[in-house]
Amino acid sequence: MGRTTLEDMERNPLGWRIQDVETVCSFHDAKCVPPRGGGSHYKISKPGKVEILTVPFKRPIKPIYIRKLVAFLRD
């Protein structure tokens, strides 16, 4: 499911939820940490990468964040 979801996200970045982001991150060995202490963004990290991607959990997630996620996981 994770690989198909990433490809689906790339083709159509509209209408995704944070649960979808968690699923695709898990499939691609990325860590998806929920917000703590009143925050509103999930933090996504991947072994071997210095950068941390932040994604808001508002529904639906804006396409720009999905595009950034796809690029982050593909690199």
C-alpha atoms as a PDB file:
ATOM      1  CA  MET A   1       0.000   0.000   0.000  1.00  0.00           C
ATOM      2  CA  GLY A   2       2.761   2.488   0.876  1.00  0.00           C
ATOM      3  CA  ARG A   3       4.403   2.536  -2.533  1.00  0.00           C
ATOM      4  CA  THR A   4       1.073   2.895  -4.336  1.00  0.00           C
ATOM      5  CA  THR A   5       0.046   5.639  -1.941  1.00  0.00           C
ATOM      6  CA  LEU A   6       3.241   7.623  -2.602  1.00  0.00           C
ATOM      7  CA  GLU A   7       2.646   7.336  -6.343  1.00  0.00           C
ATOM      8  CA  ASP A   8      -0.991   8.326  -5.842  1.00  0.00           C
ATOM      9  CA  MET A   9       0.106  11.307  -3.761  1.00  0.00           C
ATOM     10  CA  GLU A  10       2.464  12.391  -6.526  1.00  0.00           C
ATOM     11  CA  ARG A  11      -0.248  12.151  -9.184  1.00  0.00           C
ATOM     12  CA  ASN A  12      -2.932  13.833  -7.090  1.00  0.00           C
ATOM     13  CA  PRO A  13      -1.751  15.818  -4.034  1.00  0.00           C
ATOM     14  CA  LEU A  14      -5.311  16.828  -3.027  1.00  0.00           C
ATOM     15  CA  GLY A  15      -7.394  15.398  -0.199  1.00  0.00           C
ATOM     16  CA  TRP A  16      -4.861  13.451   1.877  1.00  0.00           C
ATOM     17  CA  ARG A  17      -5.119  13.012   5.643  1.00  0.00           C
ATOM     18  CA  ILE A  18      -2.413  12.669   8.271  1.00  0.00           C
ATOM     19  CA  GLN A  19      -3.190   8.949   8.582  1.00  0.00           C
ATOM     20  CA  ASP A  20      -2.185   8.554   4.927  1.00  0.00           C
ATOM     21  CA  VAL A  21       1.050  10.424   5.624  1.00  0.00           C
ATOM     22  CA  GLU A  22       1.803   8.133   8.580  1.00  0.00           C
ATOM     23  CA  THR A  23       1.176   5.047   6.429  1.00  0.00           C
ATOM     24  CA  VAL A  24       3.434   6.139   3.593  1.00  0.00           C
ATOM     25  CA  CYS A  25       6.167   7.219   6.034  1.00  0.00           C
ATOM     26  CA  SER A  26       6.072   3.848   7.756  1.00  0.00           C
ATOM     27  CA  PHE A  27       6.398   2.038   4.422  1.00  0.00           C
ATOM     28  CA  HIS A  28       9.425   4.177   3.472  1.00  0.00           C
ATOM     29  CA  ASP A  29      11.193   3.773   6.850  1.00  0.00           C
ATOM     30  CA  ALA A  30      10.581   7.384   7.823  1.00  0.00           C
ATOM     31  CA  LYS A  31       9.648   8.451  11.326  1.00  0.00           C
ATOM     32  CA  CYS A  32       6.433  10.476  11.661  1.00  0.00           C
ATOM     33  CA  VAL A  33       6.204  12.068  15.118  1.00  0.00           C
ATOM     34  CA  PRO A  34       2.932  13.717  16.223  1.00  0.00           C
ATOM     35  CA  PRO A  35       2.957  17.235  17.674  1.00  0.00           C
ATOM     36  CA  ARG A  36       3.627  17.683  21.380  1.00  0.00           C
ATOM     37  CA  GLY A  37       2.892  20.499  23.768  1.00  0.00           C
ATOM     38  CA  GLY A  38       0.270  22.353  21.748  1.00  0.00           C
ATOM     39  CA  GLY A  39       2.018  22.119  18.385  1.00  0.00           C
ATOM     40  CA  SER A  40       0.177  21.599  15.126  1.00  0.00           C
ATOM     41  CA  HIS A  41       2.751  19.915  12.891  1.00  0.00           C
ATOM     42  CA  TYR A  42       3.986  16.353  12.572  1.00  0.00           C
ATOM     43  CA  LYS A  43       7.770  16.016  12.245  1.00  0.00           C
ATOM     44  CA  ILE A  44       9.015  13.608   9.600  1.00  0.00           C
ATOM     45  CA  SER A  45      12.583  12.356   9.563  1.00  0.00           C
ATOM     46  CA  LYS A  46      14.407   9.630   7.686  1.00  0.00           C
ATOM     47  CA  PRO A  47      17.676   7.841   8.492  1.00  0.00           C
ATOM     48  CA  GLY A  48      20.568   9.399   6.615  1.00  0.00           C
ATOM     49  CA  LYS A  49      18.840  12.765   6.186  1.00  0.00           C
ATOM     50  CA  VAL A  50      19.694  15.864   8.176  1.00  0.00           C
ATOM     51  CA  GLU A  51      16.478  17.695   7.274  1.00  0.00           C
ATOM     52  CA  ILE A  52      13.218  17.319   9.144  1.00  0.00           C
ATOM     53  CA  LEU A  53      10.007  17.907   7.222  1.00  0.00           C
ATOM     54  CA  THR A  54       7.042  19.379   9.089  1.00  0.00           C
ATOM     55  CA  VAL A  55       3.470  18.689   7.984  1.00  0.00           C
ATOM     56  CA  PRO A  56       0.372  20.256   9.621  1.00  0.00           C
ATOM     57  CA  PHE A  57      -2.345  17.830  10.612  1.00  0.00           C
ATOM     58  CA  LYS A  58      -5.234  20.032   9.462  1.00  0.00           C
ATOM     59  CA  ARG A  59      -7.602  18.173   7.137  1.00  0.00           C
ATOM     60  CA  PRO A  60      -7.187  17.995   4.265  1.00  0.00           C
ATOM     61  CA  ILE A  61      -3.458  18.594   4.068  1.00  0.00           C
ATOM     62  CA  LYS A  62      -2.544  21.261   1.522  1.00  0.00           C
ATOM     63  CA  PRO A  63      -1.027  19.967  -1.738  1.00  0.00           C
ATOM     64  CA  ILE A  64       2.273  21.805  -1.180  1.00  0.00           C
ATOM     65  CA  TYR A  65       2.973  19.665   1.900  1.00  0.00           C
ATOM     66  CA  ILE A  66       2.155  16.460   0.030  1.00  0.00           C
ATOM     67  CA  ARG A  67       4.512  17.469  -2.799  1.00  0.00           C
ATOM     68  CA  LYS A  68       7.254  18.185  -0.252  1.00  0.00           C
ATOM     69  CA  LEU A  69       6.614  14.819   1.413  1.00  0.00           C
ATOM     70  CA  VAL A  70       6.884  12.946  -1.884  1.00  0.00           C
ATOM     71  CA  ALA A  71      10.180  14.690  -2.685  1.00  0.00           C
ATOM     72  CA  PHE A  72      11.478  14.082   0.839  1.00  0.00           C
ATOM     73  CA  LEU A  73      10.741  10.350   0.697  1.00  0.00           C
ATOM     74  CA  ARG A  74      12.061   9.914  -2.852  1.00  0.00           C
ATOM     75  CA  ASP A  75      15.494  11.474  -2.185  1.00  0.00           C
END
